[in-house]
Protein backbone atom coordinates (compact mmCIF):
# COMPACT_ATOMS: atom_id res chain seq x y z
CA UNK A 1 0.01 -0.03 0.12
CA UNK A 2 1.45 3.19 -1.13
CA UNK A 3 1.88 5.55 1.91
CA UNK A 4 -0.32 9.09 1.42
CA UNK A 5 0.28 12.21 3.46
CA UNK A 6 -3.08 14.84 3.43
CA UNK A 7 -2.92 18.54 2.44
CA UNK A 8 -6.02 20.11 3.04
CA UNK A 9 -8.76 18.14 1.54
CA UNK A 10 -6.28 16.82 -1.23
CA UNK A 11 -4.30 13.45 -0.70
CA UNK A 12 -1.01 13.72 -1.74
CA UNK A 13 1.11 10.25 -2.37
CA UNK A 14 4.37 9.89 -1.27
CA UNK A 15 5.66 10.23 -4.87
CA UNK A 16 4.39 13.84 -4.45
CA UNK A 17 1.78 13.20 -7.14
CA UNK A 18 -1.75 14.65 -6.34
CA UNK A 19 -3.89 11.33 -5.95
CA UNK A 20 -7.39 11.86 -7.87
CA UNK A 21 -10.55 12.81 -5.75
CA UNK A 22 -12.77 10.36 -7.90
CA UNK A 23 -12.48 6.58 -8.39
CA UNK A 24 -10.65 4.97 -11.34
CA UNK A 25 -13.31 3.96 -14.01
CA UNK A 26 -13.43 0.75 -15.95
CA UNK A 27 -13.51 1.64 -19.55
CA UNK A 28 -12.77 -1.59 -21.59
CA UNK A 29 -13.15 -5.34 -21.08
CA UNK A 30 -11.71 -8.33 -22.95
CA UNK A 31 -12.95 -11.60 -22.23
CA UNK A 32 -11.44 -15.11 -23.17
CA UNK A 33 -13.39 -17.67 -21.12
CA UNK A 34 -14.51 -21.03 -21.23
CA UNK A 35 -18.24 -19.75 -21.42
CA UNK A 36 -16.84 -17.89 -24.40
CA UNK A 37 -14.81 -15.20 -26.03
CA UNK A 38 -15.64 -11.85 -25.55
CA UNK A 39 -17.80 -10.35 -22.66
CA UNK A 40 -21.39 -10.53 -24.43
CA UNK A 41 -20.88 -14.14 -25.25
CA UNK A 42 -19.36 -14.91 -21.62
CA UNK A 43 -22.43 -12.80 -20.07
CA UNK A 44 -24.97 -14.66 -22.16
CA UNK A 45 -23.39 -18.07 -20.81
CA UNK A 46 -23.48 -16.47 -17.06
CA UNK A 47 -27.09 -15.40 -17.20
CA UNK A 48 -28.32 -18.76 -18.89
CA UNK A 49 -26.57 -20.72 -16.22
CA UNK A 50 -24.57 -22.56 -18.90
CA UNK A 51 -21.62 -24.76 -18.16
CA UNK A 52 -18.63 -24.96 -19.90
CA UNK A 53 -17.05 -27.92 -18.63
CA UNK A 54 -16.30 -30.79 -20.70
CA UNK A 55 -13.55 -33.38 -21.68
CA UNK A 56 -10.02 -32.28 -22.26
CA UNK A 57 -9.33 -31.93 -26.15
CA UNK A 58 -6.11 -29.94 -25.71
CA UNK A 59 -4.30 -33.53 -25.19
CA UNK A 60 -5.17 -37.09 -24.22
CA UNK A 61 -6.41 -36.76 -20.70
CA UNK A 62 -7.11 -40.46 -20.59
CA UNK A 63 -3.84 -41.64 -18.68
CA UNK A 64 -5.32 -39.16 -16.01
CA UNK A 65 -7.77 -39.60 -13.29
CA UNK A 66 -9.33 -35.95 -14.29
CA UNK A 67 -10.28 -35.83 -17.80
CA UNK A 68 -12.81 -32.68 -17.75
CA UNK A 69 -11.91 -28.84 -17.48
CA UNK A 70 -12.95 -25.65 -18.66
CA UNK A 71 -11.43 -24.59 -22.21
CA UNK A 72 -11.70 -21.50 -24.12
CA UNK A 73 -13.67 -22.60 -27.37
CA UNK A 74 -12.28 -22.38 -30.51
CA UNK A 75 -9.43 -20.30 -29.44
CA UNK A 76 -6.14 -19.93 -31.96
CA UNK A 77 -3.44 -17.77 -31.58
CA UNK A 78 -2.72 -17.33 -35.10
CA UNK A 79 -4.63 -14.08 -36.54
CA UNK A 80 -4.93 -12.75 -33.13
CA UNK A 81 -1.57 -12.67 -31.98
CA UNK A 82 1.67 -11.74 -34.06
CA UNK A 83 3.26 -14.73 -35.56
CA UNK A 84 6.84 -14.31 -34.05
CA UNK A 85 5.02 -13.98 -30.63
CA UNK A 86 3.26 -17.20 -31.11
CA UNK A 87 6.60 -18.71 -31.39
CA UNK A 88 8.46 -17.10 -28.53
CA UNK A 89 5.46 -17.19 -25.61
CA UNK A 90 3.10 -19.64 -24.05
CA UNK A 91 -0.50 -19.91 -24.68
CA UNK A 92 -1.39 -18.20 -21.36
CA UNK A 93 0.29 -14.89 -22.91
CA UNK A 94 -1.53 -15.65 -26.25
CA UNK A 95 -4.70 -15.36 -24.49
CA UNK A 96 -3.47 -12.26 -22.35
CA UNK A 97 -2.32 -10.38 -25.63
CA UNK A 98 -5.83 -11.34 -27.34
CA UNK A 99 -7.54 -10.24 -24.07
CA UNK A 100 -5.69 -6.70 -23.93
CA UNK A 101 -6.50 -6.22 -27.66
CA UNK A 102 -10.18 -6.71 -27.04
CA UNK A 103 -10.10 -4.65 -24.06
CA UNK A 104 -8.23 -1.59 -25.73
CA UNK A 105 -10.95 -2.00 -28.64
CA UNK A 106 -13.91 -2.13 -26.39
CA UNK A 107 -12.27 1.24 -24.63
CA UNK A 108 -12.05 2.80 -27.89
CA UNK A 109 -8.71 4.04 -26.71
CA UNK A 110 -5.46 4.30 -28.94
CA UNK A 111 -2.56 4.00 -26.67
CA UNK A 112 -0.18 5.60 -29.23
CA UNK A 113 -1.64 8.73 -28.62
CA UNK A 114 -1.20 8.93 -24.76
CA UNK A 115 1.84 9.49 -22.72
CA UNK A 116 3.69 6.00 -22.65
CA UNK A 117 4.84 6.52 -18.84
CA UNK A 118 1.05 7.36 -17.79
CA UNK A 119 0.22 3.81 -19.14
CA UNK A 120 1.08 0.71 -17.11
CA UNK A 121 0.04 -3.14 -17.16
CA UNK A 122 -0.58 -5.18 -14.05
CA UNK A 123 -1.52 -8.90 -14.51
CA UNK A 124 -1.74 -12.00 -12.56
CA UNK A 125 -0.36 -15.24 -12.77
CA UNK A 126 -0.95 -18.46 -10.87
CA UNK A 127 1.63 -20.99 -13.14
CA UNK A 128 3.16 -18.92 -15.69
CA UNK A 129 4.10 -20.61 -19.13
CA UNK A 130 3.04 -24.31 -18.16
CA UNK A 131 2.90 -25.72 -21.58
CA UNK A 132 5.77 -23.89 -23.09
CA UNK A 133 7.99 -25.05 -20.07
CA UNK A 134 6.81 -28.52 -20.85
CA UNK A 135 8.00 -28.66 -24.29
CA UNK A 136 11.30 -27.40 -23.62
CA UNK A 137 11.79 -29.48 -20.48
CA UNK A 138 11.07 -32.34 -23.27
CA UNK A 139 13.70 -31.29 -25.66
CA UNK A 140 16.18 -31.29 -22.70
CA UNK A 141 15.14 -34.90 -21.34
CA UNK A 142 14.87 -36.38 -24.62
CA UNK A 143 17.61 -34.68 -26.69
CA UNK A 144 20.34 -32.34 -25.23
CA UNK A 145 20.54 -29.04 -23.28
CA UNK A 146 20.97 -27.32 -27.00
CA UNK A 147 17.49 -28.45 -27.90
CA UNK A 148 16.41 -26.21 -25.20
CA UNK A 149 15.40 -22.62 -27.05
CA UNK A 150 16.12 -19.37 -25.76
CA UNK A 151 12.94 -18.22 -25.30
CA UNK A 152 12.59 -20.74 -22.38
CA UNK A 153 14.04 -18.07 -20.08
CA UNK A 154 11.28 -15.78 -20.38
CA UNK A 155 8.20 -17.53 -21.79
CA UNK A 156 7.48 -19.50 -18.69
CA UNK A 157 8.16 -16.44 -16.25
CA UNK A 158 5.34 -15.13 -14.54
CA UNK A 159 5.59 -11.68 -15.66
CA UNK A 160 5.81 -12.82 -19.35
CA UNK A 161 2.21 -11.58 -20.19
CA UNK A 162 2.87 -8.43 -18.49
CA UNK A 163 5.81 -7.75 -20.40
CA UNK A 164 4.72 -8.23 -23.75
CA UNK A 165 1.17 -6.29 -23.38
CA UNK A 166 3.73 -3.19 -22.09
CA UNK A 167 5.65 -3.70 -25.34
CA UNK A 168 3.10 -4.49 -27.61
CA UNK A 169 1.26 -1.42 -26.63
CA UNK A 170 3.90 1.01 -25.38
CA UNK A 171 2.52 1.05 -21.88
CA UNK A 172 6.07 1.92 -20.21
CA UNK A 173 4.50 3.06 -16.62
CA UNK A 174 5.20 1.38 -13.48
CA UNK A 175 4.11 -2.55 -14.66
CA UNK A 176 4.14 -5.45 -12.52
CA UNK A 177 2.77 -9.08 -12.14
CA UNK A 178 0.81 -10.76 -8.83
CA UNK A 179 0.78 -14.41 -7.85
CA UNK A 180 -1.89 -14.94 -5.94
CA UNK A 181 -3.66 -18.02 -7.28
CA UNK A 182 -7.41 -17.59 -7.44
CA UNK A 183 -7.42 -14.13 -6.02
CA UNK A 184 -4.86 -12.79 -8.66
CA UNK A 185 -7.10 -11.08 -10.77
CA UNK A 186 -9.08 -8.82 -7.86
CA UNK A 187 -5.36 -8.43 -6.52
CA UNK A 188 -4.40 -6.81 -9.97
CA UNK A 189 -7.30 -4.41 -9.97
CA UNK A 190 -6.45 -3.29 -6.43
CA UNK A 191 -2.96 -2.68 -7.69
CA UNK A 192 -4.41 -1.05 -10.86
CA UNK A 193 -6.28 1.42 -8.24
CA UNK A 194 -2.97 2.19 -6.26
CA UNK A 195 -1.24 3.08 -9.38
CA UNK A 196 -4.15 5.57 -10.71
CA UNK A 197 -3.69 6.81 -7.25
CA UNK A 198 -0.37 7.69 -7.92
CA UNK A 199 -0.26 9.16 -11.24
CA UNK A 200 -0.69 6.47 -13.88
CA UNK A 201 -3.97 7.65 -16.13
CA UNK A 202 -4.44 4.07 -17.66
CA UNK A 203 -3.41 0.59 -16.56
CA UNK A 204 -4.23 -2.52 -18.25
CA UNK A 205 -4.93 -5.11 -15.45
CA UNK A 206 -6.28 -8.65 -15.00
CA UNK A 207 -5.50 -12.08 -15.44
CA UNK A 208 -5.45 -15.28 -17.73
CA UNK A 209 -4.06 -18.78 -17.31
CA UNK A 210 -3.60 -21.90 -19.40
CA UNK A 211 -2.26 -24.78 -17.26
CA UNK A 212 -4.03 -27.67 -19.55
CA UNK A 213 -1.42 -29.71 -20.52
CA UNK A 214 -0.05 -32.85 -18.73
CA UNK A 215 2.95 -31.08 -16.67
CA UNK A 216 0.22 -28.81 -15.42
CA UNK A 217 -2.60 -31.14 -14.59
CA UNK A 218 -0.15 -33.26 -13.10
CA UNK A 219 1.07 -30.56 -10.82
CA UNK A 220 -2.40 -29.53 -10.02
CA UNK A 221 -3.28 -33.12 -8.90
CA UNK A 222 -0.57 -33.36 -6.06
CA UNK A 223 -2.80 -31.16 -4.04
CA UNK A 224 -5.45 -33.84 -3.98
CA UNK A 225 -8.04 -31.20 -4.31
CA UNK A 226 -9.22 -32.03 -7.86
CA UNK A 227 -12.46 -33.62 -8.79
CA UNK A 228 -12.28 -37.23 -10.52
CA UNK A 229 -16.03 -37.50 -11.21
CA UNK A 230 -16.47 -38.03 -14.82
CA UNK A 231 -19.92 -36.59 -15.44
CA UNK A 232 -19.60 -32.81 -16.70
CA UNK A 233 -22.89 -31.99 -15.08
CA UNK A 234 -21.53 -33.54 -11.53
CA UNK A 235 -17.85 -32.99 -11.33
CA UNK A 236 -17.69 -29.40 -10.16
CA UNK A 237 -20.55 -28.37 -7.53
CA UNK A 238 -19.08 -25.60 -5.41
CA UNK A 239 -21.16 -24.73 -2.46
CA UNK A 240 -23.03 -28.22 -2.68
CA UNK A 241 -22.99 -30.95 -0.19
CA UNK A 242 -21.97 -33.16 -3.04
CA UNK A 243 -18.84 -31.12 -3.75
CA UNK A 244 -15.80 -33.15 -4.39
CA UNK A 245 -13.18 -30.74 -5.60
CA UNK A 246 -12.27 -28.17 -8.47
CA UNK A 247 -11.48 -28.70 -11.61
CA UNK A 248 -8.56 -26.49 -13.96
CA UNK A 249 -9.51 -24.18 -16.46
CA UNK A 250 -7.85 -21.91 -18.47
CA UNK A 251 -8.69 -18.02 -20.02
CA UNK A 252 -9.41 -15.09 -18.08
CA UNK A 253 -10.17 -11.14 -18.65
CA UNK A 254 -7.98 -7.85 -19.05
CA UNK A 255 -9.80 -4.67 -18.24
CA UNK A 256 -8.69 -1.10 -18.95
CA UNK A 257 -8.92 0.88 -15.65
CA UNK A 258 -8.62 4.72 -16.28
CA UNK A 259 -8.01 7.73 -14.34
CA UNK A 260 -11.77 9.08 -14.03
CA UNK A 261 -10.54 12.77 -15.23
CA UNK A 262 -8.36 11.43 -18.16
CA UNK A 263 -11.41 9.22 -19.40
CA UNK A 264 -13.50 11.99 -19.25
CA UNK A 265 -11.25 14.13 -21.09
CA UNK A 266 -10.91 11.73 -23.95
CA UNK A 267 -14.34 11.27 -24.34
CA UNK A 268 -14.55 7.28 -23.07
CA UNK A 269 -17.44 5.62 -24.67
CA UNK A 270 -18.90 3.87 -22.04
CA UNK A 271 -17.89 3.39 -17.75
CA UNK A 272 -18.72 -0.21 -16.80
CA UNK A 273 -17.94 0.72 -13.14
CA UNK A 274 -15.73 2.43 -10.79
CA UNK A 275 -12.88 0.92 -8.33
CA UNK A 276 -14.25 2.38 -5.09
CA UNK A 277 -12.09 0.29 -2.91
CA UNK A 278 -10.17 -2.74 -2.47
CA UNK A 279 -9.58 -5.26 0.41
CA UNK A 280 -7.96 -8.50 1.16
CA UNK A 281 -8.44 -10.73 3.70
CA UNK A 282 -5.39 -13.35 5.14
CA UNK A 283 -6.81 -16.38 6.80
CA UNK A 284 -4.82 -17.94 9.49
CA UNK A 285 -2.97 -21.23 9.16
CA UNK A 286 -5.36 -24.01 9.71
CA UNK A 287 -5.59 -24.92 13.73
CA UNK A 288 -4.33 -21.59 14.45
CA UNK A 289 -6.17 -19.75 17.64
CA UNK A 290 -5.85 -16.48 15.80
CA UNK A 291 -9.12 -15.31 14.07
CA UNK A 292 -9.06 -13.70 10.50
CA UNK A 293 -7.50 -10.28 9.79
CA UNK A 294 -8.49 -7.85 7.33
CA UNK A 295 -6.14 -5.57 5.64
CA UNK A 296 -7.31 -2.58 3.89
CA UNK A 297 -6.03 -0.29 1.01
């Protein structure tokens, strides 16, 4: 949390930048989810209560006890991601780049027309470039070290998506990545709010994931918390007496978050919502006598 001081009624950050008095606004949505590509398709699935759980098709899941997951339907990086980046990055980053393009188009903003150091990127990641890493490890173990490509050093890295989105759109402000598992996307929005309050005018934020490969599935199996039920209608039942674990999935969303005055000044086409605040809860260790602690920013 950035420390702040108060001068009269106008908050001033520790960096000396006057903090906005109005809450940041969300002006663009880019969704690539198992329930559909695009915010409208995803929302229709939500309203209809339509499940996207089905048999894994990205690889043969038959040797594994878990064979169901949520896959982004029909997603192909070709045509959505520059060809050179397809070879240099993981599917998780492909999804992030496509989501960023969609969010920018939805916000009707042209990054090249804005000051590059006033735009930032904050994404979340739970596993990094799992599939890319698996292929490179296969090259190592089945052949020799010189079969491992140079891009392995960056494609697996948790911050790869943040970096690629930043480079592609010239967003050179304070960028970062949060590794917070399921809470990562919300935490990223909280960080975007902090950056807006310390001088950024636009932040691309959110998160994507793509761990549907043998390596990624095996890693998750070690938790013992995945559902092994083979019926898609019964495999994932959160908040139900018959709940039997969770299922892996891929996809995510990126949002354009802007300073309210800056969005107004450029004539933003629409405002989906405002980020009024942010809070994170920290559960104590199992068996601890301590109660939950709530941290607010």
